[in-house]
């Protein structure tokens, strides 16, 4: 069961298409901010739950010396991701971190608005840990229901002209698809403690909480 206690979420052909056409453009300011925060410029990066790949592609485009791999459990999401421009340092795959080949290793991993979906969070985290090099880091970005209105607006593009989705609506969505700092302490930390990760630090990043784990 996922840490929010919600029903499993499935992204089939229609949901994946609408996510690429509607959700990703709305999240473009947040994606741009997160892409700029990635602290590695070379090596290998894994994006877990990459969805249609807008953020994954932005990271690869900005860092040509960084090999970027985006994985997602949904074949339909990966099909949407592969519709974008091809880059020599970018690859998309259907799969999970637990299924990565033992020979593969990554210097850094990121997951954005995906962690709350994971039905087996400890297993996925352990899979990411195994795929990281010694000292490698994982950053999980999750919506923060306690974020300030200006942070929420800054992370969302207007729908039509200057029309924005009210921050109260975004905050209501984040309650079901994100974590408060209290929920991190009560649910996320105990889950991380069951994995090989050594540390978990929490910081605010725009309208998200950034959960930083290190091998």
C-alpha atoms as a PDB file:
ATOM      1  CA  UNK A   1       0.000   0.000   0.000  1.00  0.00           C
ATOM      2  CA  UNK A   2       1.240   3.517  -0.740  1.00  0.00           C
ATOM      3  CA  UNK A   3       2.093   5.816   2.160  1.00  0.00           C
ATOM      4  CA  UNK A   4      -0.999   7.969   1.575  1.00  0.00           C
ATOM      5  CA  UNK A   5      -3.298   4.962   2.018  1.00  0.00           C
ATOM      6  CA  UNK A   6      -4.999   5.681  -1.294  1.00  0.00           C
ATOM      7  CA  UNK A   7      -6.064   3.407  -4.096  1.00  0.00           C
ATOM      8  CA  UNK A   8      -3.431   2.393  -6.643  1.00  0.00           C
ATOM      9  CA  UNK A   9      -3.292   4.892  -9.512  1.00  0.00           C
ATOM     10  CA  UNK A  10      -3.087   3.607 -13.072  1.00  0.00           C
ATOM     11  CA  UNK A  11      -1.905   5.625 -16.068  1.00  0.00           C
ATOM     12  CA  UNK A  12      -3.183   4.046 -19.250  1.00  0.00           C
ATOM     13  CA  UNK A  13      -3.255   5.413 -22.775  1.00  0.00           C
ATOM     14  CA  UNK A  14      -5.823   8.194 -22.238  1.00  0.00           C
ATOM     15  CA  UNK A  15      -4.563   9.308 -18.817  1.00  0.00           C
ATOM     16  CA  UNK A  16      -0.970   9.405 -20.077  1.00  0.00           C
ATOM     17  CA  UNK A  17      -1.956  11.467 -23.122  1.00  0.00           C
ATOM     18  CA  UNK A  18      -3.857  14.012 -21.033  1.00  0.00           C
ATOM     19  CA  UNK A  19      -0.993  14.192 -18.539  1.00  0.00           C
ATOM     20  CA  UNK A  20       1.389  15.112 -21.363  1.00  0.00           C
ATOM     21  CA  UNK A  21      -0.997  17.597 -22.971  1.00  0.00           C
ATOM     22  CA  UNK A  22      -2.391  19.268 -19.844  1.00  0.00           C
ATOM     23  CA  UNK A  23      -0.534  18.482 -16.632  1.00  0.00           C
ATOM     24  CA  UNK A  24       3.036  18.777 -17.901  1.00  0.00           C
ATOM     25  CA  UNK A  25       2.571  22.232 -19.475  1.00  0.00           C
ATOM     26  CA  UNK A  26       0.889  23.423 -16.266  1.00  0.00           C
ATOM     27  CA  UNK A  27       3.871  22.159 -14.257  1.00  0.00           C
ATOM     28  CA  UNK A  28       6.511  23.628 -16.587  1.00  0.00           C
ATOM     29  CA  UNK A  29       7.689  26.349 -14.140  1.00  0.00           C
ATOM     30  CA  UNK A  30       8.198  23.715 -11.443  1.00  0.00           C
ATOM     31  CA  UNK A  31      10.041  21.439 -13.865  1.00  0.00           C
ATOM     32  CA  UNK A  32      12.342  24.293 -14.893  1.00  0.00           C
ATOM     33  CA  UNK A  33      13.131  25.078 -11.255  1.00  0.00           C
ATOM     34  CA  UNK A  34      13.820  21.452 -10.347  1.00  0.00           C
ATOM     35  CA  UNK A  35      15.980  20.912 -13.444  1.00  0.00           C
ATOM     36  CA  UNK A  36      18.096  23.871 -12.342  1.00  0.00           C
ATOM     37  CA  UNK A  37      18.457  22.415  -8.836  1.00  0.00           C
ATOM     38  CA  UNK A  38      19.955  19.094  -9.979  1.00  0.00           C
ATOM     39  CA  UNK A  39      23.444  19.138  -8.403  1.00  0.00           C
ATOM     40  CA  UNK A  40      25.326  16.984 -10.940  1.00  0.00           C
ATOM     41  CA  UNK A  41      26.604  17.971 -14.386  1.00  0.00           C
ATOM     42  CA  UNK A  42      28.263  14.718 -15.460  1.00  0.00           C
ATOM     43  CA  UNK A  43      27.933  10.996 -14.802  1.00  0.00           C
ATOM     44  CA  UNK A  44      24.592   9.169 -14.786  1.00  0.00           C
ATOM     45  CA  UNK A  45      21.177  10.270 -13.504  1.00  0.00           C
ATOM     46  CA  UNK A  46      18.044   8.165 -12.974  1.00  0.00           C
ATOM     47  CA  UNK A  47      14.566   9.744 -13.062  1.00  0.00           C
ATOM     48  CA  UNK A  48      12.110   7.391 -11.332  1.00  0.00           C
ATOM     49  CA  UNK A  49       8.470   7.731 -12.375  1.00  0.00           C
ATOM     50  CA  UNK A  50       9.423  10.039 -15.228  1.00  0.00           C
ATOM     51  CA  UNK A  51       5.932  10.122 -16.780  1.00  0.00           C
ATOM     52  CA  UNK A  52       5.860  11.798 -20.224  1.00  0.00           C
ATOM     53  CA  UNK A  53       9.423  12.955 -19.662  1.00  0.00           C
ATOM     54  CA  UNK A  54       9.347  16.749 -19.870  1.00  0.00           C
ATOM     55  CA  UNK A  55      11.534  17.181 -16.782  1.00  0.00           C
ATOM     56  CA  UNK A  56      13.803  14.275 -17.755  1.00  0.00           C
ATOM     57  CA  UNK A  57      14.388  15.801 -21.185  1.00  0.00           C
ATOM     58  CA  UNK A  58      15.020  19.264 -19.686  1.00  0.00           C
ATOM     59  CA  UNK A  59      17.724  17.858 -17.409  1.00  0.00           C
ATOM     60  CA  UNK A  60      19.399  16.031 -20.305  1.00  0.00           C
ATOM     61  CA  UNK A  61      19.255  19.092 -22.577  1.00  0.00           C
ATOM     62  CA  UNK A  62      20.864  21.320 -19.955  1.00  0.00           C
ATOM     63  CA  UNK A  63      23.635  18.833 -19.098  1.00  0.00           C
ATOM     64  CA  UNK A  64      25.070  17.190 -22.217  1.00  0.00           C
ATOM     65  CA  UNK A  65      27.790  15.386 -20.197  1.00  0.00           C
ATOM     66  CA  UNK A  66      25.139  13.717 -18.011  1.00  0.00           C
ATOM     67  CA  UNK A  67      23.620  10.429 -19.188  1.00  0.00           C
ATOM     68  CA  UNK A  68      19.949  10.586 -18.179  1.00  0.00           C
ATOM     69  CA  UNK A  69      17.649   7.565 -17.927  1.00  0.00           C
ATOM     70  CA  UNK A  70      13.922   7.967 -17.256  1.00  0.00           C
ATOM     71  CA  UNK A  71      11.936   4.945 -16.106  1.00  0.00           C
ATOM     72  CA  UNK A  72       8.234   4.508 -15.494  1.00  0.00           C
ATOM     73  CA  UNK A  73       6.006   1.574 -14.658  1.00  0.00           C
ATOM     74  CA  UNK A  74       3.460   2.639 -17.291  1.00  0.00           C
ATOM     75  CA  UNK A  75       4.250   1.653 -20.901  1.00  0.00           C
ATOM     76  CA  UNK A  76       1.823   4.357 -22.030  1.00  0.00           C
ATOM     77  CA  UNK A  77       3.746   7.038 -20.154  1.00  0.00           C
ATOM     78  CA  UNK A  78       6.983   5.904 -21.783  1.00  0.00           C
ATOM     79  CA  UNK A  79       5.311   5.977 -25.219  1.00  0.00           C
ATOM     80  CA  UNK A  80       4.347   9.598 -24.533  1.00  0.00           C
ATOM     81  CA  UNK A  81       7.894  10.389 -23.370  1.00  0.00           C
ATOM     82  CA  UNK A  82       9.379   8.990 -26.564  1.00  0.00           C
ATOM     83  CA  UNK A  83       7.297  11.395 -28.668  1.00  0.00           C
ATOM     84  CA  UNK A  84       9.596  14.276 -27.697  1.00  0.00           C
ATOM     85  CA  UNK A  85      12.885  15.328 -29.312  1.00  0.00           C
ATOM     86  CA  UNK A  86      15.627  12.709 -29.220  1.00  0.00           C
ATOM     87  CA  UNK A  87      18.824  13.555 -27.363  1.00  0.00           C
ATOM     88  CA  UNK A  88      22.042  11.504 -27.454  1.00  0.00           C
ATOM     89  CA  UNK A  89      22.330  11.447 -23.647  1.00  0.00           C
ATOM     90  CA  UNK A  90      18.680  10.556 -22.939  1.00  0.00           C
ATOM     91  CA  UNK A  91      16.903   7.190 -22.752  1.00  0.00           C
ATOM     92  CA  UNK A  92      13.453   6.113 -21.570  1.00  0.00           C
ATOM     93  CA  UNK A  93      12.491   2.633 -20.366  1.00  0.00           C
ATOM     94  CA  UNK A  94       9.516   0.806 -18.931  1.00  0.00           C
ATOM     95  CA  UNK A  95      10.441  -0.631 -15.558  1.00  0.00           C
ATOM     96  CA  UNK A  96      11.189  -0.168 -11.902  1.00  0.00           C
ATOM     97  CA  UNK A  97      14.434   0.432  -9.995  1.00  0.00           C
ATOM     98  CA  UNK A  98      14.258  -3.062  -8.500  1.00  0.00           C
ATOM     99  CA  UNK A  99      14.511  -4.522 -12.008  1.00  0.00           C
ATOM    100  CA  UNK A 100      17.615  -2.590 -13.072  1.00  0.00           C
ATOM    101  CA  UNK A 101      20.586  -4.715 -14.064  1.00  0.00           C
ATOM    102  CA  UNK A 102      23.181  -5.134 -11.279  1.00  0.00           C
ATOM    103  CA  UNK A 103      25.812  -3.730 -13.655  1.00  0.00           C
ATOM    104  CA  UNK A 104      24.004  -0.379 -13.939  1.00  0.00           C
ATOM    105  CA  UNK A 105      24.939   2.396 -11.544  1.00  0.00           C
ATOM    106  CA  UNK A 106      23.908   6.030 -11.144  1.00  0.00           C
ATOM    107  CA  UNK A 107      25.476   9.020  -9.434  1.00  0.00           C
ATOM    108  CA  UNK A 108      22.161  10.702  -8.683  1.00  0.00           C
ATOM    109  CA  UNK A 109      18.464   9.818  -8.753  1.00  0.00           C
ATOM    110  CA  UNK A 110      15.403  12.041  -8.711  1.00  0.00           C
ATOM    111  CA  UNK A 111      11.666  11.426  -8.507  1.00  0.00           C
ATOM    112  CA  UNK A 112       9.102  14.200  -8.896  1.00  0.00           C
ATOM    113  CA  UNK A 113       5.434  13.911  -7.863  1.00  0.00           C
ATOM    114  CA  UNK A 114       5.717  10.127  -7.987  1.00  0.00           C
ATOM    115  CA  UNK A 115       6.725   8.836  -4.547  1.00  0.00           C
ATOM    116  CA  UNK A 116       3.199   9.070  -3.127  1.00  0.00           C
ATOM    117  CA  UNK A 117       2.039   6.602  -5.838  1.00  0.00           C
ATOM    118  CA  UNK A 118       4.471   3.836  -4.920  1.00  0.00           C
ATOM    119  CA  UNK A 119       2.646   0.748  -3.682  1.00  0.00           C
ATOM    120  CA  UNK A 120       5.850  -0.825  -2.313  1.00  0.00           C
ATOM    121  CA  UNK A 121       7.861   2.224  -1.233  1.00  0.00           C
ATOM    122  CA  UNK A 122      10.460   0.328   0.795  1.00  0.00           C
ATOM    123  CA  UNK A 123      11.179  -2.053  -2.088  1.00  0.00           C
ATOM    124  CA  UNK A 124      11.473   0.775  -4.632  1.00  0.00           C
ATOM    125  CA  UNK A 125      13.721   2.801  -2.334  1.00  0.00           C
ATOM    126  CA  UNK A 126      15.915  -0.237  -1.765  1.00  0.00           C
ATOM    127  CA  UNK A 127      16.118  -0.747  -5.533  1.00  0.00           C
ATOM    128  CA  UNK A 128      17.235   2.848  -6.033  1.00  0.00           C
ATOM    129  CA  UNK A 129      19.778   2.459  -3.236  1.00  0.00           C
ATOM    130  CA  UNK A 130      21.243  -0.598  -4.992  1.00  0.00           C
ATOM    131  CA  UNK A 131      21.498   1.354  -8.268  1.00  0.00           C
ATOM    132  CA  UNK A 132      23.374   4.300  -6.734  1.00  0.00           C
ATOM    133  CA  UNK A 133      27.147   4.509  -6.482  1.00  0.00           C
ATOM    134  CA  UNK A 134      28.591   4.820  -2.957  1.00  0.00           C
ATOM    135  CA  UNK A 135      27.677   8.269  -1.672  1.00  0.00           C
ATOM    136  CA  UNK A 136      25.014   8.662  -4.364  1.00  0.00           C
ATOM    137  CA  UNK A 137      21.920  10.720  -3.601  1.00  0.00           C
ATOM    138  CA  UNK A 138      18.189  10.496  -4.224  1.00  0.00           C
ATOM    139  CA  UNK A 139      15.956  13.573  -4.158  1.00  0.00           C
ATOM    140  CA  UNK A 140      12.193  13.033  -3.893  1.00  0.00           C
ATOM    141  CA  UNK A 141       9.985  16.038  -4.671  1.00  0.00           C
ATOM    142  CA  UNK A 142       6.452  15.872  -3.290  1.00  0.00           C
ATOM    143  CA  UNK A 143       3.673  18.508  -3.158  1.00  0.00           C
ATOM    144  CA  UNK A 144       3.566  20.400   0.138  1.00  0.00           C
ATOM    145  CA  UNK A 145      -0.010  21.128   1.318  1.00  0.00           C
ATOM    146  CA  UNK A 146       1.425  23.788   3.627  1.00  0.00           C
ATOM    147  CA  UNK A 147       3.211  25.731   0.881  1.00  0.00           C
ATOM    148  CA  UNK A 148       2.564  29.462   0.628  1.00  0.00           C
ATOM    149  CA  UNK A 149       0.228  30.737  -2.097  1.00  0.00           C
ATOM    150  CA  UNK A 150       3.016  32.560  -3.928  1.00  0.00           C
ATOM    151  CA  UNK A 151       5.145  29.385  -4.032  1.00  0.00           C
ATOM    152  CA  UNK A 152       2.206  27.420  -5.457  1.00  0.00           C
ATOM    153  CA  UNK A 153       1.525  30.045  -8.130  1.00  0.00           C
ATOM    154  CA  UNK A 154       5.212  30.279  -9.049  1.00  0.00           C
ATOM    155  CA  UNK A 155       5.287  26.528  -9.748  1.00  0.00           C
ATOM    156  CA  UNK A 156       2.219  26.550 -12.014  1.00  0.00           C
ATOM    157  CA  UNK A 157       1.738  28.097 -15.434  1.00  0.00           C
ATOM    158  CA  UNK A 158      -1.503  30.048 -16.050  1.00  0.00           C
ATOM    159  CA  UNK A 159      -4.200  28.058 -17.820  1.00  0.00           C
ATOM    160  CA  UNK A 160      -5.460  30.803 -20.137  1.00  0.00           C
ATOM    161  CA  UNK A 161      -3.646  34.110 -20.302  1.00  0.00           C
ATOM    162  CA  UNK A 162      -3.360  35.272 -16.705  1.00  0.00           C
ATOM    163  CA  UNK A 163      -6.024  32.904 -15.323  1.00  0.00           C
ATOM    164  CA  UNK A 164      -4.619  30.625 -12.618  1.00  0.00           C
ATOM    165  CA  UNK A 165      -6.025  27.655 -10.756  1.00  0.00           C
ATOM    166  CA  UNK A 166      -6.686  28.943  -7.207  1.00  0.00           C
ATOM    167  CA  UNK A 167      -3.990  28.032  -4.695  1.00  0.00           C
ATOM    168  CA  UNK A 168      -6.678  26.554  -2.448  1.00  0.00           C
ATOM    169  CA  UNK A 169      -7.529  23.989  -5.140  1.00  0.00           C
ATOM    170  CA  UNK A 170      -3.858  23.107  -5.596  1.00  0.00           C
ATOM    171  CA  UNK A 171      -3.474  22.757  -1.821  1.00  0.00           C
ATOM    172  CA  UNK A 172      -6.485  20.424  -1.649  1.00  0.00           C
ATOM    173  CA  UNK A 173      -4.926  18.269  -4.368  1.00  0.00           C
ATOM    174  CA  UNK A 174      -1.619  18.237  -2.504  1.00  0.00           C
ATOM    175  CA  UNK A 175      -3.296  16.872   0.626  1.00  0.00           C
ATOM    176  CA  UNK A 176      -4.090  13.680  -1.272  1.00  0.00           C
ATOM    177  CA  UNK A 177      -0.978  13.653  -3.465  1.00  0.00           C
ATOM    178  CA  UNK A 178       1.766  14.975  -1.212  1.00  0.00           C
ATOM    179  CA  UNK A 179       3.091  15.122   2.316  1.00  0.00           C
ATOM    180  CA  UNK A 180       3.107  17.632   5.144  1.00  0.00           C
ATOM    181  CA  UNK A 181       6.206  17.804   7.322  1.00  0.00           C
ATOM    182  CA  UNK A 182       4.250  15.925   9.988  1.00  0.00           C
ATOM    183  CA  UNK A 183       3.390  13.162   7.506  1.00  0.00           C
ATOM    184  CA  UNK A 184       7.045  12.920   6.572  1.00  0.00           C
ATOM    185  CA  UNK A 185       7.926  12.325  10.220  1.00  0.00           C
ATOM    186  CA  UNK A 186       5.064   9.921  10.852  1.00  0.00           C
ATOM    187  CA  UNK A 187       5.012   7.916   7.596  1.00  0.00           C
ATOM    188  CA  UNK A 188       8.033   8.572   5.387  1.00  0.00           C
ATOM    189  CA  UNK A 189      10.818   8.369   7.967  1.00  0.00           C
ATOM    190  CA  UNK A 190       9.681   4.951   9.290  1.00  0.00           C
ATOM    191  CA  UNK A 191       9.525   3.657   5.696  1.00  0.00           C
ATOM    192  CA  UNK A 192      13.011   4.969   4.901  1.00  0.00           C
ATOM    193  CA  UNK A 193      14.301   3.372   8.122  1.00  0.00           C
ATOM    194  CA  UNK A 194      13.391  -0.026   6.620  1.00  0.00           C
ATOM    195  CA  UNK A 195      15.711   0.596   3.660  1.00  0.00           C
ATOM    196  CA  UNK A 196      19.522   0.766   3.389  1.00  0.00           C
ATOM    197  CA  UNK A 197      19.543   4.584   3.039  1.00  0.00           C
ATOM    198  CA  UNK A 198      21.629   6.223   5.758  1.00  0.00           C
ATOM    199  CA  UNK A 199      20.111   9.716   5.890  1.00  0.00           C
ATOM    200  CA  UNK A 200      16.881  11.608   5.198  1.00  0.00           C
ATOM    201  CA  UNK A 201      16.867  15.401   5.183  1.00  0.00           C
ATOM    202  CA  UNK A 202      13.843  17.563   4.390  1.00  0.00           C
ATOM    203  CA  UNK A 203      13.843  21.017   2.838  1.00  0.00           C
ATOM    204  CA  UNK A 204      11.301  23.228   1.098  1.00  0.00           C
ATOM    205  CA  UNK A 205      11.654  23.749  -2.640  1.00  0.00           C
ATOM    206  CA  UNK A 206       9.023  26.010  -4.125  1.00  0.00           C
ATOM    207  CA  UNK A 207       5.630  24.370  -3.580  1.00  0.00           C
ATOM    208  CA  UNK A 208       7.264  21.018  -2.786  1.00  0.00           C
ATOM    209  CA  UNK A 209       9.054  19.287   0.015  1.00  0.00           C
ATOM    210  CA  UNK A 210      12.390  17.897  -1.138  1.00  0.00           C
ATOM    211  CA  UNK A 211      13.304  14.680   0.626  1.00  0.00           C
ATOM    212  CA  UNK A 212      17.041  14.109   0.334  1.00  0.00           C
ATOM    213  CA  UNK A 213      18.389  10.584   0.863  1.00  0.00           C
ATOM    214  CA  UNK A 214      22.029   9.518   0.655  1.00  0.00           C
ATOM    215  CA  UNK A 215      23.607   6.127   0.248  1.00  0.00           C
END
